[in-house]
Amino acid sequence: MNALLQHLRLSLRLHLRNKMALLYGYLFPLIFLVAFAVLYRHERVPLLRHMGELLTVAVLGGACFGLPTTLVSERERGVWRRYRLTPIPTWAVVASTAVARYLIVLSAGLLQLGLALAIGMTLPAHPFALLVAFTFVAFAFIGLGLVIAALADNVPAVQALGQCIFLPMLIIGGVAVQLGALPLWAQHVSAFFPGRYAVEALQACVNGAGFSGARFSLLALGLSGVAGCMAGAKLFRWDAQQRFSTRGGKAWLVPVFGAWIAVGLLAEWRGRIGIPVDREVAPVAQVRVTPVPSAGSVTPPAPVAAPVGPAVGIVLPPEAGPVAGRVLTPPPPDPLWTRVTKKEIDALDYNVPPDQGIVAPMAGPDEQADDFIKDQVDGVRNKLPSWPPGTDGDELRCIRNVLYVAAVPDAIQLPVERYLPRVVFEHLIDTYPREKLTKILTWIAMTPEEGMVIDDISDLGIEGAAGDPMVVRERAYLYAIKFVARLTGRVAE
């Protein structure tokens, strides 16, 4: 145990002296955090929905690049050949190396989390669960880093192998690109990468259900970590002269990739591939009306069921006049959006992305689309006045749903995304009085998390589903502010 602790202390000291290790372990994750903060600066709580991705990048950088680079470079310099002369078993060396790397990636994760909190992110919903999930993620990727170190004969080989694993996880593994933005085939492929489960487990603990929402992901990460650490220990090499091609025991790689395949197949079998979409169904109040018996009837009236909702039935006595025997309900209160004041309209954050940007773009009134896109735009313009989600229900719900017609193409980056916001805006000002429309749009911008989300507008001729309802809500929030700015004269229509 003393030898293990001594090696652990030595590993940490050497790490702090290694500039390349510091680059991969600390600077690289912070660059990602700053990039995400810039890209998603318009969200109401910056970075909250992306900490799973950012913390996963921190672990990937330290475990799949920093760890094998350190091991292989030390092996090339003969450091591990000297360790072999000491009476330390292989398992103790591997264990102390893994623990040292865990402490390193944990410090990088804490640094990243602290910086995110400093620039506006709220505290994680489940801090203890987040620590446990982070430990599982680190365990899985440290095992993968040990395997990379066993496969690589030199440092350039580490870089090549690391990129072969790192880049697919970033692009189609759900780490740098959210799964909701990926095509369906990529979502199926991502089920075989541990990066997806790392993001899901961490995100569930940041702003989700905690352990209850991360059970399968933790199981997948634990299985990947066990397989990787076993293979890394069995294939461990002390000397740079030992080439992997001449070494026996290569069958230990089978459990590593077998664990990935087993997890992916299990996810397919359990139907965990698709991205769940949160749906909020507005309750519909129902009142059971019980008729009042006529004079002379000996049958007592049945009890009146308690109404659902704010309406309370009132039964008038027979002598009350011509309305006797009817159940009357008081008029419903005015909608909350009617209370929006000019001060609240002026207080909106009008610092939204520019119309020519990539987030919430909006074509000018004279800007013309290409022929193919123009056909799509004209199709939406013709169908929108009779589109059921935009015509059935109260005005607030209808306007919110119409905003999603602009938000969904923007969320999935369709070519038509620039032109539909103009169609939506013109439809709204043609349908509603300006004062009422301004108040409702302001209320939507003030309460962006209310109401149900429509993430599929294929019935308007626009194919594709956004997948992530939070992105659609965010885009609808931005367009609501842009429309208010035009209605109030802050921006030219």
Protein backbone atom coordinates (compact mmCIF):
# COMPACT_ATOMS: atom_id res chain seq x y z
CA MET A 1 0.00 0.00 0.00
CA ASN A 2 2.88 2.35 0.79
CA ALA A 3 4.39 1.71 -2.66
CA LEU A 4 1.01 2.43 -4.29
CA LEU A 5 0.69 5.74 -2.44
CA GLN A 6 4.27 6.71 -3.29
CA HIS A 7 3.67 6.00 -6.95
CA LEU A 8 0.42 7.96 -6.80
CA ARG A 9 2.20 10.98 -5.34
CA LEU A 10 4.97 10.72 -7.94
CA SER A 11 2.44 10.47 -10.81
CA LEU A 12 0.67 13.63 -9.68
CA ARG A 13 3.95 15.56 -9.42
CA LEU A 14 5.07 14.44 -12.88
CA HIS A 15 1.70 15.41 -14.31
CA LEU A 16 1.98 18.96 -13.04
CA ARG A 17 5.39 19.24 -14.73
CA ASN A 18 4.16 17.96 -18.10
CA LYS A 19 3.08 20.86 -20.33
CA MET A 20 1.34 18.62 -22.87
CA ALA A 21 -0.62 16.91 -20.09
CA LEU A 22 -1.70 20.26 -18.71
CA LEU A 23 -2.79 21.31 -22.21
CA TYR A 24 -5.01 18.27 -22.73
CA GLY A 25 -6.18 18.09 -19.13
CA TYR A 26 -7.08 21.72 -18.40
CA LEU A 27 -6.75 24.14 -21.31
CA PHE A 28 -8.51 21.95 -23.88
CA PRO A 29 -11.73 21.53 -21.79
CA LEU A 30 -11.77 25.24 -20.93
CA ILE A 31 -11.59 26.13 -24.64
CA PHE A 32 -14.68 23.98 -25.19
CA LEU A 33 -16.47 25.69 -22.30
CA VAL A 34 -15.74 29.17 -23.64
CA ALA A 35 -16.87 28.09 -27.12
CA PHE A 36 -20.15 26.70 -25.76
CA ALA A 37 -20.67 29.83 -23.67
CA VAL A 38 -20.34 31.98 -26.80
CA LEU A 39 -22.58 29.74 -28.92
CA TYR A 40 -25.34 29.46 -26.32
CA ARG A 41 -25.01 32.87 -24.66
CA HIS A 42 -28.62 33.71 -25.51
CA GLU A 43 -30.04 30.92 -23.35
CA ARG A 44 -31.74 32.01 -20.15
CA VAL A 45 -29.35 29.87 -18.07
CA PRO A 46 -26.09 29.63 -20.03
CA LEU A 47 -24.40 26.21 -20.22
CA LEU A 48 -26.89 24.45 -17.93
CA ARG A 49 -28.05 22.09 -20.66
CA HIS A 50 -24.51 21.46 -21.93
CA MET A 51 -22.52 20.58 -18.80
CA GLY A 52 -22.87 16.88 -19.57
CA GLU A 53 -21.10 17.43 -22.87
CA LEU A 54 -18.47 19.76 -21.40
CA LEU A 55 -17.58 17.50 -18.48
CA THR A 56 -17.38 14.54 -20.85
CA VAL A 57 -14.91 16.47 -23.01
CA ALA A 58 -12.84 17.19 -19.88
CA VAL A 59 -12.68 13.48 -19.04
CA LEU A 60 -11.97 12.48 -22.65
CA GLY A 61 -9.09 14.92 -22.89
CA GLY A 62 -7.49 13.74 -19.66
CA ALA A 63 -8.21 10.01 -19.94
CA CYS A 64 -8.02 9.23 -23.67
CA PHE A 65 -5.21 11.64 -24.54
CA GLY A 66 -3.40 12.70 -21.39
CA LEU A 67 -3.21 9.25 -19.74
CA PRO A 68 -1.94 7.16 -22.70
CA THR A 69 0.38 9.96 -23.84
CA THR A 70 1.98 10.03 -20.40
CA LEU A 71 2.25 6.24 -20.14
CA VAL A 72 3.74 5.74 -23.60
CA SER A 73 6.18 8.66 -23.34
CA GLU A 74 7.44 7.38 -19.98
CA ARG A 75 7.72 3.88 -21.41
CA GLU A 76 9.80 5.21 -24.30
CA ARG A 77 12.11 7.00 -21.85
CA GLY A 78 12.65 3.80 -19.87
CA VAL A 79 10.81 4.97 -16.74
CA TRP A 80 8.60 1.91 -16.56
CA ARG A 81 11.56 -0.45 -17.06
CA ARG A 82 13.02 0.98 -13.85
CA TYR A 83 9.70 0.56 -12.07
CA ARG A 84 9.77 -3.10 -13.01
CA LEU A 85 12.88 -3.56 -10.85
CA THR A 86 10.92 -2.53 -7.78
CA PRO A 87 8.87 -5.11 -5.83
CA ILE A 88 5.55 -3.58 -6.96
CA PRO A 89 2.99 -5.86 -8.61
CA THR A 90 1.58 -4.82 -11.96
CA TRP A 91 -1.93 -4.34 -10.58
CA ALA A 92 -0.66 -1.83 -8.01
CA VAL A 93 1.10 0.23 -10.70
CA VAL A 94 -1.99 0.21 -12.92
CA ALA A 95 -4.28 1.03 -9.98
CA SER A 96 -2.16 3.95 -8.77
CA THR A 97 -1.95 5.26 -12.36
CA ALA A 98 -5.73 5.08 -12.71
CA VAL A 99 -6.34 6.78 -9.35
CA ALA A 100 -3.87 9.54 -10.20
CA ARG A 101 -5.60 10.13 -13.51
CA TYR A 102 -9.00 10.19 -11.77
CA LEU A 103 -7.81 12.92 -9.42
CA ILE A 104 -6.44 14.84 -12.39
CA VAL A 105 -9.67 14.71 -14.42
CA LEU A 106 -11.68 15.45 -11.27
CA SER A 107 -9.69 18.64 -10.73
CA ALA A 108 -10.24 19.56 -14.39
CA GLY A 109 -13.97 18.93 -14.02
CA LEU A 110 -14.16 21.06 -10.88
CA LEU A 111 -12.28 23.85 -12.63
CA GLN A 112 -14.69 23.68 -15.56
CA LEU A 113 -17.73 23.60 -13.31
CA GLY A 114 -16.45 26.53 -11.25
CA LEU A 115 -15.89 28.65 -14.35
CA ALA A 116 -19.38 27.79 -15.64
CA LEU A 117 -20.91 28.88 -12.32
CA ALA A 118 -18.88 32.08 -12.45
CA ILE A 119 -20.32 33.06 -15.84
CA GLY A 120 -23.94 32.48 -14.92
CA MET A 121 -24.79 28.78 -14.67
CA THR A 122 -26.96 27.72 -11.75
CA LEU A 123 -25.93 25.03 -9.29
CA PRO A 124 -26.43 21.40 -10.38
CA ALA A 125 -29.69 19.87 -9.21
CA HIS A 126 -28.01 16.75 -7.75
CA PRO A 127 -24.41 17.54 -6.67
CA PHE A 128 -23.70 14.18 -4.99
CA ALA A 129 -25.20 12.23 -7.87
CA LEU A 130 -23.09 14.35 -10.25
CA LEU A 131 -19.93 13.31 -8.37
CA VAL A 132 -20.92 9.64 -8.60
CA ALA A 133 -21.77 9.94 -12.29
CA PHE A 134 -18.49 11.75 -12.97
CA THR A 135 -16.64 8.91 -11.24
CA PHE A 136 -18.34 6.35 -13.48
CA VAL A 137 -17.48 8.40 -16.57
CA ALA A 138 -13.86 8.76 -15.48
CA PHE A 139 -13.65 5.03 -14.73
CA ALA A 140 -14.96 4.13 -18.21
CA PHE A 141 -12.60 6.45 -20.09
CA ILE A 142 -9.56 5.70 -17.93
CA GLY A 143 -10.05 2.06 -18.87
CA LEU A 144 -10.18 3.12 -22.51
CA GLY A 145 -7.02 5.20 -22.03
CA LEU A 146 -5.19 2.16 -20.63
CA VAL A 147 -6.22 0.18 -23.71
CA ILE A 148 -4.92 2.92 -26.02
CA ALA A 149 -1.61 2.94 -24.12
CA ALA A 150 -1.36 -0.83 -24.54
CA LEU A 151 -2.07 -0.66 -28.28
CA ALA A 152 0.27 2.25 -29.10
CA ASP A 153 3.99 1.69 -29.54
CA ASN A 154 4.86 5.41 -29.54
CA VAL A 155 3.35 8.82 -28.84
CA PRO A 156 2.29 9.54 -32.46
CA ALA A 157 0.37 6.26 -32.41
CA VAL A 158 -1.40 7.45 -29.26
CA GLN A 159 -2.50 10.61 -31.05
CA ALA A 160 -3.77 8.64 -34.04
CA LEU A 161 -5.68 6.10 -31.96
CA GLY A 162 -7.05 8.80 -29.70
CA GLN A 163 -8.39 10.78 -32.63
CA CYS A 164 -9.98 7.65 -34.13
CA ILE A 165 -12.03 7.30 -30.93
CA PHE A 166 -12.33 10.93 -29.87
CA LEU A 167 -13.63 12.45 -33.12
CA PRO A 168 -16.45 9.92 -33.74
CA MET A 169 -17.61 10.41 -30.15
CA LEU A 170 -17.62 14.16 -30.63
CA ILE A 171 -19.46 14.18 -33.94
CA ILE A 172 -21.88 11.23 -33.89
CA GLY A 173 -21.47 9.99 -30.34
CA GLY A 174 -23.56 12.71 -28.71
CA VAL A 175 -20.68 14.59 -27.05
CA ALA A 176 -20.09 17.79 -29.04
CA VAL A 177 -23.26 17.57 -31.15
CA GLN A 178 -26.52 17.00 -29.30
CA LEU A 179 -28.27 13.78 -30.25
CA GLY A 180 -31.46 15.62 -31.14
CA ALA A 181 -29.62 17.34 -33.98
CA LEU A 182 -28.31 14.08 -35.45
CA PRO A 183 -30.05 11.99 -38.11
CA LEU A 184 -31.70 8.77 -36.96
CA TRP A 185 -28.90 6.52 -38.25
CA ALA A 186 -26.34 8.48 -36.20
CA GLN A 187 -28.51 8.14 -33.09
CA HIS A 188 -28.41 4.37 -33.57
CA VAL A 189 -24.63 4.41 -34.03
CA SER A 190 -24.18 6.57 -30.92
CA ALA A 191 -25.73 3.83 -28.81
CA PHE A 192 -22.50 1.84 -29.23
CA PHE A 193 -20.26 4.68 -27.94
CA PRO A 194 -19.73 5.25 -24.20
CA GLY A 195 -19.62 9.00 -24.85
CA ARG A 196 -23.39 9.06 -25.26
CA TYR A 197 -23.95 7.47 -21.87
CA ALA A 198 -21.40 9.77 -20.25
CA VAL A 199 -23.31 12.83 -21.44
CA GLU A 200 -26.68 11.34 -20.46
CA ALA A 201 -25.52 10.37 -16.95
CA LEU A 202 -23.89 13.71 -16.22
CA GLN A 203 -26.74 15.76 -17.68
CA ALA A 204 -29.33 13.81 -15.68
CA CYS A 205 -27.51 14.88 -12.52
CA VAL A 206 -27.06 18.52 -13.58
CA ASN A 207 -30.67 19.37 -14.46
CA GLY A 208 -32.51 16.07 -14.69
CA ALA A 209 -33.88 13.33 -12.46
CA GLY A 210 -30.55 12.34 -10.91
CA PHE A 211 -29.84 8.65 -10.36
CA SER A 212 -33.31 7.61 -11.51
CA GLY A 213 -32.61 9.08 -14.94
CA ALA A 214 -29.09 7.67 -15.27
CA ARG A 215 -29.34 4.01 -14.26
CA PHE A 216 -28.83 2.52 -17.69
CA SER A 217 -26.06 4.99 -18.51
CA LEU A 218 -24.18 4.20 -15.28
CA LEU A 219 -24.50 0.48 -16.01
CA ALA A 220 -23.10 0.99 -19.52
CA LEU A 221 -20.20 3.09 -18.21
CA GLY A 222 -19.40 0.61 -15.44
CA LEU A 223 -19.33 -2.29 -17.89
CA SER A 224 -17.05 -0.37 -20.27
CA GLY A 225 -14.74 0.63 -17.42
CA VAL A 226 -14.36 -2.90 -16.06
CA ALA A 227 -13.59 -4.30 -19.51
CA GLY A 228 -11.10 -1.52 -20.29
CA CYS A 229 -9.20 -1.72 -17.00
CA MET A 230 -8.92 -5.52 -17.18
CA ALA A 231 -7.60 -5.39 -20.74
CA GLY A 232 -5.25 -2.51 -19.91
CA ALA A 233 -3.78 -4.40 -16.96
CA LYS A 234 -3.38 -7.67 -18.89
CA LEU A 235 -1.75 -5.97 -21.90
CA PHE A 236 0.43 -3.63 -19.84
CA ARG A 237 4.00 -3.29 -21.22
CA TRP A 238 7.03 -2.24 -19.18
CA ASP A 239 9.53 -1.79 -22.00
CA ALA A 240 9.34 0.18 -25.25
CA GLN A 241 11.11 -2.70 -26.99
CA GLN A 242 8.04 -4.83 -26.45
CA ARG A 243 5.98 -4.24 -29.57
CA PHE A 244 2.27 -4.83 -29.46
CA SER A 245 2.36 -6.84 -32.70
CA THR A 246 4.64 -9.43 -31.08
CA ARG A 247 2.86 -9.58 -27.76
CA GLY A 248 0.44 -12.33 -26.83
CA GLY A 249 -2.87 -11.97 -25.02
CA LYS A 250 -4.54 -9.86 -27.70
CA ALA A 251 -7.78 -11.69 -26.97
CA TRP A 252 -8.21 -9.34 -24.01
CA LEU A 253 -9.33 -6.71 -26.50
CA VAL A 254 -12.46 -8.74 -27.23
CA PRO A 255 -14.18 -7.86 -23.90
CA VAL A 256 -13.49 -4.15 -24.51
CA PHE A 257 -15.25 -3.93 -27.82
CA GLY A 258 -17.68 -6.65 -26.77
CA ALA A 259 -18.84 -4.42 -23.92
CA TRP A 260 -19.54 -1.56 -26.36
CA ILE A 261 -21.46 -3.87 -28.68
CA ALA A 262 -23.42 -5.45 -25.82
CA VAL A 263 -24.44 -2.05 -24.46
CA GLY A 264 -25.52 -0.86 -27.91
CA LEU A 265 -27.57 -3.99 -28.57
CA LEU A 266 -29.18 -3.73 -25.14
CA ALA A 267 -30.07 -0.10 -25.82
CA GLU A 268 -31.60 -1.11 -29.16
CA TRP A 269 -33.57 -3.91 -27.50
CA ARG A 270 -34.89 -1.61 -24.77
CA GLY A 271 -35.84 1.10 -27.26
CA ARG A 272 -33.49 3.73 -25.81
CA ILE A 273 -32.25 5.01 -29.17
CA GLY A 274 -34.83 7.68 -29.91
CA ILE A 275 -34.57 11.03 -28.18
CA PRO A 276 -37.50 11.53 -25.81
CA VAL A 277 -39.56 14.66 -26.37
CA ASP A 278 -41.22 16.24 -23.37
CA ARG A 279 -44.88 16.85 -23.98
CA GLU A 280 -46.99 18.99 -21.74
CA VAL A 281 -50.71 18.40 -22.09
CA ALA A 282 -52.86 21.25 -20.93
CA PRO A 283 -55.59 20.05 -18.57
CA VAL A 284 -59.13 20.43 -19.78
CA ALA A 285 -61.62 21.33 -17.09
CA GLN A 286 -64.86 19.38 -17.14
CA VAL A 287 -67.96 20.23 -15.13
CA ARG A 288 -70.74 17.77 -14.62
CA VAL A 289 -74.08 19.60 -14.71
CA THR A 290 -76.85 18.12 -12.59
CA PRO A 291 -80.39 19.33 -13.43
CA VAL A 292 -82.53 20.71 -10.62
CA PRO A 293 -85.71 18.61 -10.10
CA SER A 294 -89.02 20.23 -10.93
CA ALA A 295 -91.51 21.22 -8.26
CA GLY A 296 -93.39 18.30 -6.82
CA SER A 297 -90.74 15.74 -7.56
CA VAL A 298 -90.04 13.40 -4.71
CA THR A 299 -86.70 12.22 -6.05
CA PRO A 300 -83.88 14.01 -4.29
CA PRO A 301 -81.34 15.55 -6.60
CA ALA A 302 -78.15 13.61 -7.16
CA PRO A 303 -75.11 15.16 -5.59
CA VAL A 304 -73.23 17.54 -7.84
CA ALA A 305 -69.77 16.30 -8.68
CA ALA A 306 -66.96 18.61 -7.71
CA PRO A 307 -65.94 20.50 -10.83
CA VAL A 308 -62.42 20.20 -12.15
CA GLY A 309 -60.76 23.54 -12.53
CA PRO A 310 -61.58 26.99 -11.24
CA ALA A 311 -65.22 27.02 -12.34
CA VAL A 312 -67.73 26.36 -9.54
CA GLY A 313 -71.35 25.52 -10.39
CA ILE A 314 -74.10 27.68 -8.83
CA VAL A 315 -77.67 26.36 -8.70
CA LEU A 316 -80.34 29.05 -8.47
CA PRO A 317 -83.62 28.32 -6.61
CA PRO A 318 -86.88 28.12 -8.65
CA GLU A 319 -88.03 31.52 -7.44
CA ALA A 320 -84.97 33.15 -8.96
CA GLY A 321 -86.81 33.79 -12.21
CA PRO A 322 -86.51 32.49 -15.76
CA VAL A 323 -83.02 31.13 -15.17
CA ALA A 324 -84.24 28.82 -12.43
CA GLY A 325 -82.98 25.30 -12.70
CA ARG A 326 -79.83 26.20 -14.63
CA VAL A 327 -76.27 25.78 -13.47
CA LEU A 328 -74.35 29.01 -13.93
CA THR A 329 -70.63 29.47 -13.75
CA PRO A 330 -68.86 32.75 -13.08
CA PRO A 331 -67.00 34.22 -16.03
CA PRO A 332 -63.38 33.02 -16.25
CA PRO A 333 -60.71 35.46 -15.12
CA ASP A 334 -58.80 37.45 -17.69
CA PRO A 335 -55.72 35.67 -19.07
CA LEU A 336 -52.48 36.54 -17.36
CA TRP A 337 -51.01 38.01 -20.53
CA THR A 338 -53.56 40.84 -20.37
CA ARG A 339 -51.69 42.17 -17.32
CA VAL A 340 -48.47 42.74 -19.28
CA THR A 341 -47.42 46.37 -18.91
CA LYS A 342 -45.35 48.70 -21.06
CA LYS A 343 -42.63 48.53 -18.43
CA GLU A 344 -42.41 44.76 -18.84
CA ILE A 345 -42.33 45.11 -22.62
CA ASP A 346 -39.47 47.61 -22.33
CA ALA A 347 -37.64 45.34 -19.85
CA LEU A 348 -37.26 42.43 -22.30
CA ASP A 349 -33.70 41.54 -23.22
CA TYR A 350 -33.56 42.71 -26.82
CA ASN A 351 -29.90 41.69 -27.16
CA VAL A 352 -30.74 38.72 -29.38
CA PRO A 353 -28.73 37.17 -32.24
CA PRO A 354 -28.67 39.25 -35.43
CA ASP A 355 -31.06 38.42 -38.26
CA GLN A 356 -28.14 37.44 -40.49
CA GLY A 357 -26.61 35.09 -37.91
CA ILE A 358 -26.89 31.31 -37.56
CA VAL A 359 -29.16 31.39 -34.49
CA ALA A 360 -32.72 32.65 -34.99
CA PRO A 361 -32.07 34.07 -38.49
CA MET A 362 -34.76 36.10 -40.21
CA ALA A 363 -34.87 37.17 -43.84
CA GLY A 364 -35.64 40.76 -44.72
CA PRO A 365 -38.98 41.75 -46.26
CA ASP A 366 -37.46 41.99 -49.76
CA GLU A 367 -35.19 38.95 -49.52
CA GLN A 368 -36.17 36.21 -52.01
CA ALA A 369 -35.55 32.49 -51.61
CA ASP A 370 -34.39 30.04 -54.27
CA ASP A 371 -37.02 28.22 -56.27
CA PHE A 372 -37.07 25.02 -54.21
CA ILE A 373 -37.08 26.87 -50.91
CA LYS A 374 -39.65 29.33 -52.27
CA ASP A 375 -42.05 26.44 -52.93
CA GLN A 376 -41.69 25.35 -49.30
CA VAL A 377 -42.20 28.90 -48.05
CA ASP A 378 -45.30 29.40 -50.19
CA GLY A 379 -46.67 26.04 -49.01
CA VAL A 380 -46.35 27.07 -45.37
CA ARG A 381 -47.83 30.50 -46.09
CA ASN A 382 -50.90 28.90 -47.69
CA LYS A 383 -51.44 26.24 -45.02
CA LEU A 384 -50.69 28.32 -41.92
CA PRO A 385 -54.09 30.16 -41.70
CA SER A 386 -55.92 26.82 -41.38
CA TRP A 387 -53.22 24.92 -39.44
CA PRO A 388 -55.08 23.32 -36.47
CA PRO A 389 -52.42 23.97 -33.78
CA GLY A 390 -52.45 27.64 -34.77
CA THR A 391 -56.22 28.04 -34.87
CA ASP A 392 -57.68 25.68 -32.23
CA GLY A 393 -57.51 26.84 -28.62
CA ASP A 394 -56.95 30.08 -26.79
CA GLU A 395 -54.95 32.87 -28.38
CA LEU A 396 -51.86 32.38 -26.24
CA ARG A 397 -51.59 28.72 -27.18
CA CYS A 398 -52.19 29.41 -30.86
CA ILE A 399 -49.54 32.13 -31.06
CA ARG A 400 -47.03 29.98 -29.17
CA ASN A 401 -47.65 27.12 -31.60
CA VAL A 402 -47.23 29.41 -34.60
CA LEU A 403 -43.86 30.53 -33.21
CA TYR A 404 -42.74 26.90 -33.38
CA VAL A 405 -43.18 27.06 -37.16
CA ALA A 406 -40.22 29.43 -37.16
CA ALA A 407 -38.36 27.70 -34.32
CA VAL A 408 -38.31 24.10 -35.57
CA PRO A 409 -36.48 24.73 -38.90
CA ASP A 410 -33.98 26.90 -37.03
CA ALA A 411 -33.38 24.18 -34.41
CA ILE A 412 -32.54 21.58 -37.07
CA GLN A 413 -30.84 24.07 -39.42
CA LEU A 414 -32.97 23.52 -42.50
CA PRO A 415 -32.30 25.70 -45.57
CA VAL A 416 -35.75 27.24 -45.16
CA GLU A 417 -34.99 28.51 -41.64
CA ARG A 418 -34.29 32.11 -42.75
CA TYR A 419 -37.57 32.62 -44.59
CA LEU A 420 -40.26 31.08 -42.38
CA PRO A 421 -39.91 33.64 -39.53
CA ARG A 422 -41.01 36.34 -41.95
CA VAL A 423 -44.03 34.22 -42.95
CA VAL A 424 -44.89 33.67 -39.30
CA PHE A 425 -44.56 37.35 -38.44
CA GLU A 426 -46.75 38.47 -41.32
CA HIS A 427 -49.36 35.85 -40.43
CA LEU A 428 -49.48 37.02 -36.82
CA ILE A 429 -49.88 40.72 -37.59
CA ASP A 430 -52.60 39.87 -40.12
CA THR A 431 -54.47 37.73 -37.58
CA TYR A 432 -54.24 39.62 -34.26
CA PRO A 433 -54.46 43.26 -33.19
CA ARG A 434 -51.00 44.69 -32.64
CA GLU A 435 -51.53 45.62 -28.99
CA LYS A 436 -52.83 42.17 -28.12
CA LEU A 437 -50.11 40.46 -30.14
CA THR A 438 -47.40 42.52 -28.44
CA LYS A 439 -48.64 41.55 -24.98
CA ILE A 440 -48.96 37.85 -25.83
CA LEU A 441 -45.50 37.69 -27.39
CA THR A 442 -44.05 39.50 -24.37
CA TRP A 443 -45.73 37.01 -22.06
CA ILE A 444 -44.26 34.12 -24.10
CA ALA A 445 -40.80 35.69 -23.83
CA MET A 446 -41.29 36.10 -20.07
CA THR A 447 -42.47 32.49 -19.60
CA PRO A 448 -40.60 30.45 -22.24
CA GLU A 449 -40.97 27.14 -20.37
CA GLU A 450 -44.76 27.16 -20.33
CA GLY A 451 -47.02 25.28 -22.72
CA MET A 452 -46.52 22.23 -24.87
CA VAL A 453 -43.83 21.96 -27.52
CA ILE A 454 -44.40 21.16 -31.18
CA ASP A 455 -41.17 19.84 -32.68
CA ASP A 456 -42.56 18.41 -35.93
CA ILE A 457 -44.28 20.56 -38.57
CA SER A 458 -44.32 18.00 -41.37
CA ASP A 459 -48.05 18.64 -41.86
CA LEU A 460 -46.99 22.06 -43.19
CA GLY A 461 -44.63 20.45 -45.70
CA ILE A 462 -41.43 20.88 -43.64
CA GLU A 463 -39.89 17.47 -42.95
CA GLY A 464 -37.72 16.82 -39.92
CA ALA A 465 -38.13 16.78 -36.14
CA ALA A 466 -36.04 18.88 -33.78
CA GLY A 467 -35.75 16.14 -31.14
CA ASP A 468 -34.73 18.41 -28.25
CA PRO A 469 -37.75 20.43 -27.04
CA MET A 470 -35.55 22.81 -25.05
CA VAL A 471 -33.85 24.01 -28.24
CA VAL A 472 -37.25 24.64 -29.84
CA ARG A 473 -38.39 26.58 -26.76
CA GLU A 474 -35.23 28.67 -26.88
CA ARG A 475 -35.71 29.55 -30.53
CA ALA A 476 -39.38 30.42 -29.99
CA TYR A 477 -38.30 32.69 -27.12
CA LEU A 478 -35.83 34.48 -29.40
CA TYR A 479 -38.36 34.93 -32.19
CA ALA A 480 -40.95 36.25 -29.73
CA ILE A 481 -38.50 38.99 -28.72
CA LYS A 482 -37.62 39.74 -32.34
CA PHE A 483 -41.30 40.12 -33.22
CA VAL A 484 -41.95 42.38 -30.21
CA ALA A 485 -39.01 44.54 -31.28
CA ARG A 486 -40.64 45.00 -34.68
CA LEU A 487 -44.11 45.62 -33.26
CA THR A 488 -42.79 48.31 -30.92
CA GLY A 489 -40.64 50.05 -33.54
CA ARG A 490 -37.28 49.05 -32.07
CA VAL A 491 -36.50 47.25 -35.31
CA ALA A 492 -37.89 48.08 -38.74
CA GLU A 493 -40.50 45.61 -39.93
